[in-house]
Amino acid sequence: MPPPARRPRSRAWIVIVALVVLTGLIGWQTFQLIRLQSRLTSAEEQIAAERNSAKAAAEAMASRVAGLEKGAFIPDQIAAAALPSVFRIKAGGSSGTAWAVGKPTSDGGAHLFTNFHVVEGVWDKGERKVSIEHKDQLYDARIVKVDEDKDVAQLETSAKFAGLAISTEAVRPGEPVVVVGAPLGLESSVTTGVVSAFRKLEGTNDTYVQFDAAINPGNSGGPVLNSRGQVVGIASAKIRNAEGIGLAIPIGLACELFPICG
């Protein structure tokens, strides 16, 4: 009797090998897909980070540009904004400059500042009436209060004018300024310069702001403005026989003496 025939094993091994290979391929492809997904996620995160960085840089640049524009020194714009509130003042035989400050008076008019020496002749006579001029239009004004030692005078007018903004920060040497006034009676004149230093005059403990913008008789009492159009001082004097040395009373001192700046 012949022995029983053996079942062929080749097919079984082929199936096993095929399964192993297939499993390996699936595992490899799964690994590659996971790695690709990881790369895509990393790339998306990097793109998002770069986008956020670019956005932050753009915002920072816009902020710097806005800051530069805010601090830019543009004399013609500063002068144009201030001139409607600056006047030539006539006080007896003297003339100078006055300017509107603070909120309106109780009757809707305007408070004004000038130098005492501009209205001294009228004040010493016991008179109070003066006139202010703007674009060939005359307005009545009166002297309300003076400080002879500090050379500041407060006026009022029933005419309606907007008060100039007052700086709450101390001016610094090197800071650009605009001076508006009526030198030699020439109304609405504008000069520019920088703050040079702080000076004390002989016989006084008061500190003045020294600047190099050109001024002449008639500028007395006029506003000295910073780059933001805010008043930092009241032009008061020019050193005789010297060009480029003007002095201004710090606006903070004037506002302490006369509480009309708010």
Protein backbone atom coordinates (compact mmCIF):
# COMPACT_ATOMS: atom_id res chain seq x y z
CA MET A 1 0.00 0.00 0.00
CA PRO A 2 1.56 3.33 -1.07
CA PRO A 3 2.30 6.02 1.62
CA PRO A 4 -0.12 9.00 1.86
CA ALA A 5 0.76 12.06 -0.25
CA ARG A 6 2.15 15.13 1.63
CA ARG A 7 0.25 18.39 1.39
CA PRO A 8 2.26 21.09 -0.33
CA ARG A 9 3.54 23.77 2.11
CA SER A 10 4.70 26.27 -0.47
CA ARG A 11 1.38 28.00 -0.75
CA ALA A 12 1.09 28.45 2.99
CA TRP A 13 4.54 30.02 3.18
CA ILE A 14 3.74 32.26 0.29
CA VAL A 15 0.61 33.46 2.07
CA ILE A 16 2.52 34.03 5.30
CA VAL A 17 5.30 35.94 3.55
CA ALA A 18 2.76 37.99 1.63
CA LEU A 19 0.96 38.88 4.84
CA VAL A 20 4.21 39.87 6.50
CA VAL A 21 5.21 42.02 3.54
CA LEU A 22 1.77 43.57 3.34
CA THR A 23 1.79 44.31 7.05
CA GLY A 24 5.22 45.87 6.71
CA LEU A 25 4.08 48.00 3.80
CA ILE A 26 1.01 49.14 5.70
CA GLY A 27 3.13 49.94 8.73
CA TRP A 28 5.66 51.84 6.61
CA GLN A 29 2.96 53.80 4.85
CA THR A 30 1.30 54.55 8.17
CA PHE A 31 4.64 55.77 9.53
CA GLN A 32 5.18 57.93 6.46
CA LEU A 33 1.67 59.37 6.74
CA ILE A 34 2.18 60.17 10.42
CA ARG A 35 5.53 61.79 9.68
CA LEU A 36 4.04 63.77 6.79
CA GLN A 37 1.15 64.88 9.00
CA SER A 38 3.64 65.96 11.65
CA ARG A 39 5.58 67.94 9.07
CA LEU A 40 2.40 69.58 7.81
CA THR A 41 1.36 70.49 11.36
CA SER A 42 4.81 71.91 12.05
CA ALA A 43 4.74 73.87 8.80
CA GLU A 44 1.29 75.26 9.61
CA GLU A 45 2.46 76.28 13.07
CA GLN A 46 5.55 77.95 11.60
CA ILE A 47 3.45 79.80 9.02
CA ALA A 48 1.06 80.94 11.76
CA ALA A 49 3.97 82.08 13.92
CA GLU A 50 5.53 83.98 11.02
CA ARG A 51 2.17 85.54 10.21
CA ASN A 52 1.74 86.67 13.82
CA SER A 53 5.30 87.98 13.85
CA ALA A 54 4.71 89.91 10.63
CA LYS A 55 1.46 91.32 12.04
CA ALA A 56 3.19 92.39 15.25
CA ALA A 57 6.00 94.02 13.25
CA ALA A 58 3.47 95.87 11.08
CA GLU A 59 1.59 97.10 14.15
CA ALA A 60 4.84 98.21 15.78
CA MET A 61 5.83 100.06 12.60
CA ALA A 62 2.43 101.74 12.42
CA SER A 63 2.77 102.77 16.05
CA ARG A 64 6.24 104.23 15.43
CA VAL A 65 5.01 106.11 12.37
CA ALA A 66 2.07 107.49 14.36
CA GLY A 67 4.47 108.55 17.10
CA LEU A 68 6.74 110.28 14.62
CA GLU A 69 3.80 112.05 13.00
CA LYS A 70 2.54 113.11 16.42
CA GLY A 71 5.92 114.49 17.40
CA ALA A 72 6.72 115.97 14.00
CA PHE A 73 7.58 119.68 13.99
CA ILE A 74 5.42 121.35 11.33
CA PRO A 75 5.63 125.12 11.97
CA ASP A 76 3.04 126.22 9.41
CA GLN A 77 0.38 123.93 10.88
CA ILE A 78 1.25 124.96 14.43
CA ALA A 79 1.07 128.65 13.51
CA ALA A 80 -2.16 128.25 11.53
CA ALA A 81 -3.85 126.63 14.53
CA ALA A 82 -2.61 129.28 16.97
CA LEU A 83 -3.02 132.52 15.01
CA PRO A 84 -6.82 132.85 15.45
CA SER A 85 -6.23 133.14 19.21
CA VAL A 86 -3.28 135.58 19.11
CA PHE A 87 -3.71 139.38 19.00
CA ARG A 88 -1.86 142.64 18.83
CA ILE A 89 -2.60 144.58 22.00
CA LYS A 90 -2.66 148.38 22.25
CA ALA A 91 -2.32 149.80 25.74
CA GLY A 92 -1.91 153.56 25.69
CA GLY A 93 1.36 154.24 23.91
CA SER A 94 2.57 150.64 24.20
CA SER A 95 1.86 147.64 22.03
CA GLY A 96 2.62 143.96 22.29
CA THR A 97 0.96 140.59 21.95
CA ALA A 98 -1.86 138.91 23.88
CA TRP A 99 -3.43 135.50 23.43
CA ALA A 100 -6.54 133.64 24.56
CA VAL A 101 -6.15 131.03 27.27
CA GLY A 102 -8.36 128.61 29.17
CA LYS A 103 -12.11 128.23 29.17
CA PRO A 104 -14.54 131.06 28.29
CA THR A 105 -15.37 133.71 30.87
CA SER A 106 -18.71 133.70 32.67
CA ASP A 107 -20.22 135.86 29.91
CA GLY A 108 -18.81 133.69 27.11
CA GLY A 109 -15.80 135.88 26.38
CA ALA A 110 -12.13 134.99 26.63
CA HIS A 111 -9.32 135.21 29.16
CA LEU A 112 -5.99 136.49 27.83
CA PHE A 113 -2.35 136.59 28.89
CA THR A 114 0.24 139.24 28.10
CA ASN A 115 3.24 140.81 29.83
CA PHE A 116 2.72 143.37 32.58
CA HIS A 117 5.21 145.76 31.00
CA VAL A 118 2.98 145.91 27.90
CA VAL A 119 0.06 147.31 29.94
CA GLU A 120 2.09 148.98 32.69
CA GLY A 121 1.42 152.53 31.52
CA VAL A 122 -2.34 152.02 31.54
CA TRP A 123 -2.30 150.15 34.86
CA ASP A 124 -0.21 152.80 36.62
CA LYS A 125 -2.71 155.47 35.58
CA GLY A 126 -5.45 153.50 37.29
CA GLU A 127 -7.04 152.70 33.96
CA ARG A 128 -8.05 149.21 32.86
CA LYS A 129 -9.26 149.50 29.30
CA VAL A 130 -7.08 148.32 26.40
CA SER A 131 -7.80 147.05 22.90
CA ILE A 132 -6.79 143.94 21.02
CA GLU A 133 -6.57 143.65 17.25
CA HIS A 134 -6.93 140.68 14.95
CA LYS A 135 -7.04 140.93 11.16
CA ASP A 136 -7.74 144.68 11.30
CA GLN A 137 -10.65 144.10 13.68
CA LEU A 138 -10.48 145.86 17.05
CA TYR A 139 -11.97 144.41 20.24
CA ASP A 140 -12.27 145.96 23.68
CA ALA A 141 -10.47 144.26 26.55
CA ARG A 142 -9.74 145.11 30.17
CA ILE A 143 -6.94 144.40 32.60
CA VAL A 144 -8.19 142.10 35.36
CA LYS A 145 -5.09 141.31 37.40
CA VAL A 146 -1.32 141.75 37.18
CA ASP A 147 1.85 140.48 38.80
CA GLU A 148 4.47 143.17 38.39
CA ASP A 149 7.36 141.07 39.70
CA LYS A 150 6.66 138.14 37.37
CA ASP A 151 5.73 140.46 34.47
CA VAL A 152 2.40 138.77 33.74
CA ALA A 153 -1.01 140.35 33.19
CA GLN A 154 -4.45 138.79 32.87
CA LEU A 155 -7.00 140.39 30.55
CA GLU A 156 -10.59 139.68 29.59
CA THR A 157 -12.64 140.42 26.50
CA SER A 158 -16.29 139.83 25.75
CA ALA A 159 -15.32 138.66 22.27
CA LYS A 160 -15.34 134.89 21.79
CA PHE A 161 -11.99 133.25 21.06
CA ALA A 162 -10.76 129.73 21.71
CA GLY A 163 -8.04 129.39 24.32
CA LEU A 164 -4.70 127.91 23.28
CA ALA A 165 -3.75 124.54 24.74
CA ILE A 166 -1.31 124.61 27.64
CA SER A 167 1.59 122.17 27.94
CA THR A 168 1.63 120.19 31.19
CA GLU A 169 5.17 118.96 30.56
CA ALA A 170 8.33 120.93 31.18
CA VAL A 171 10.05 122.12 28.02
CA ARG A 172 13.56 120.76 27.38
CA PRO A 173 16.70 122.26 25.83
CA GLY A 174 16.88 121.36 22.15
CA GLU A 175 13.10 121.19 21.80
CA PRO A 176 11.78 123.10 18.75
CA VAL A 177 9.44 126.03 19.34
CA VAL A 178 7.26 128.46 17.41
CA VAL A 179 6.84 132.06 18.58
CA VAL A 180 3.78 134.01 17.43
CA GLY A 181 3.44 137.75 17.96
CA ALA A 182 3.36 141.25 16.58
CA PRO A 183 7.00 142.41 16.41
CA LEU A 184 7.26 146.12 15.65
CA GLY A 185 3.48 146.15 15.34
CA LEU A 186 3.47 143.57 12.54
CA GLU A 187 0.54 141.38 13.51
CA SER A 188 0.55 137.57 13.12
CA SER A 189 4.30 137.18 12.66
CA VAL A 190 5.76 133.70 13.17
CA THR A 191 9.35 132.68 13.94
CA THR A 192 10.86 129.31 14.82
CA GLY A 193 13.81 128.11 16.86
CA VAL A 194 14.78 125.80 19.70
CA VAL A 195 14.95 126.01 23.46
CA SER A 196 18.55 126.88 24.27
CA ALA A 197 18.68 126.73 28.07
CA PHE A 198 17.11 127.95 31.29
CA ARG A 199 18.35 131.27 32.69
CA LYS A 200 18.01 133.41 35.79
CA LEU A 201 18.17 137.17 35.39
CA GLU A 202 20.09 139.39 37.78
CA GLY A 203 18.03 140.51 40.72
CA THR A 204 15.51 137.69 40.44
CA ASN A 205 15.22 134.05 41.42
CA ASP A 206 12.86 133.30 38.58
CA THR A 207 13.98 130.87 35.89
CA TYR A 208 13.29 131.85 32.29
CA VAL A 209 13.20 129.73 29.16
CA GLN A 210 15.92 130.84 26.74
CA PHE A 211 15.24 130.26 23.03
CA ASP A 212 16.85 131.33 19.78
CA ALA A 213 13.76 132.19 17.70
CA ALA A 214 13.95 135.79 16.49
CA ILE A 215 11.86 138.25 18.48
CA ASN A 216 11.58 142.03 18.61
CA PRO A 217 9.61 144.66 20.51
CA GLY A 218 5.98 143.75 20.01
CA ASN A 219 6.57 140.04 20.59
CA SER A 220 6.25 140.70 24.32
CA GLY A 221 3.39 138.69 25.77
CA GLY A 222 3.17 136.31 22.82
CA PRO A 223 2.90 132.52 23.13
CA VAL A 224 5.88 130.21 22.71
CA LEU A 225 4.55 126.90 21.35
CA ASN A 226 5.98 123.38 21.27
CA SER A 227 5.72 120.88 18.41
CA ARG A 228 2.23 119.87 19.58
CA GLY A 229 0.95 123.44 19.41
CA GLN A 230 0.84 123.78 23.20
CA VAL A 231 2.01 126.93 24.98
CA VAL A 232 5.22 126.39 26.96
CA GLY A 233 6.02 130.01 27.73
CA ILE A 234 5.16 133.70 27.37
CA ALA A 235 7.73 135.65 25.35
CA SER A 236 8.99 138.33 27.70
CA ALA A 237 12.34 139.82 26.76
CA LYS A 238 15.20 139.89 24.33
CA ILE A 239 18.78 140.37 25.44
CA ARG A 240 19.89 143.75 24.11
CA ASN A 241 22.59 143.90 21.45
CA ALA A 242 22.37 140.13 20.95
CA GLU A 243 20.58 138.10 18.31
CA GLY A 244 19.06 134.72 18.98
CA ILE A 245 18.66 135.15 22.74
CA GLY A 246 15.02 135.48 23.72
CA LEU A 247 13.49 134.77 27.12
CA ALA A 248 10.07 133.44 28.04
CA ILE A 249 8.21 133.08 31.32
CA PRO A 250 7.44 129.36 31.85
CA ILE A 251 3.73 128.82 31.32
CA GLY A 252 3.51 126.76 34.49
CA LEU A 253 4.45 129.82 36.54
CA ALA A 254 1.85 132.00 34.84
CA CYS A 255 -0.85 129.37 35.39
CA GLU A 256 0.05 129.18 39.09
CA LEU A 257 -0.27 132.95 39.44
CA PHE A 258 -3.50 133.17 37.45
CA PRO A 259 -5.70 130.03 37.67
CA ILE A 260 -7.34 130.49 34.28
CA CYS A 261 -5.45 127.85 32.27
CA GLY A 262 -7.74 124.89 32.95
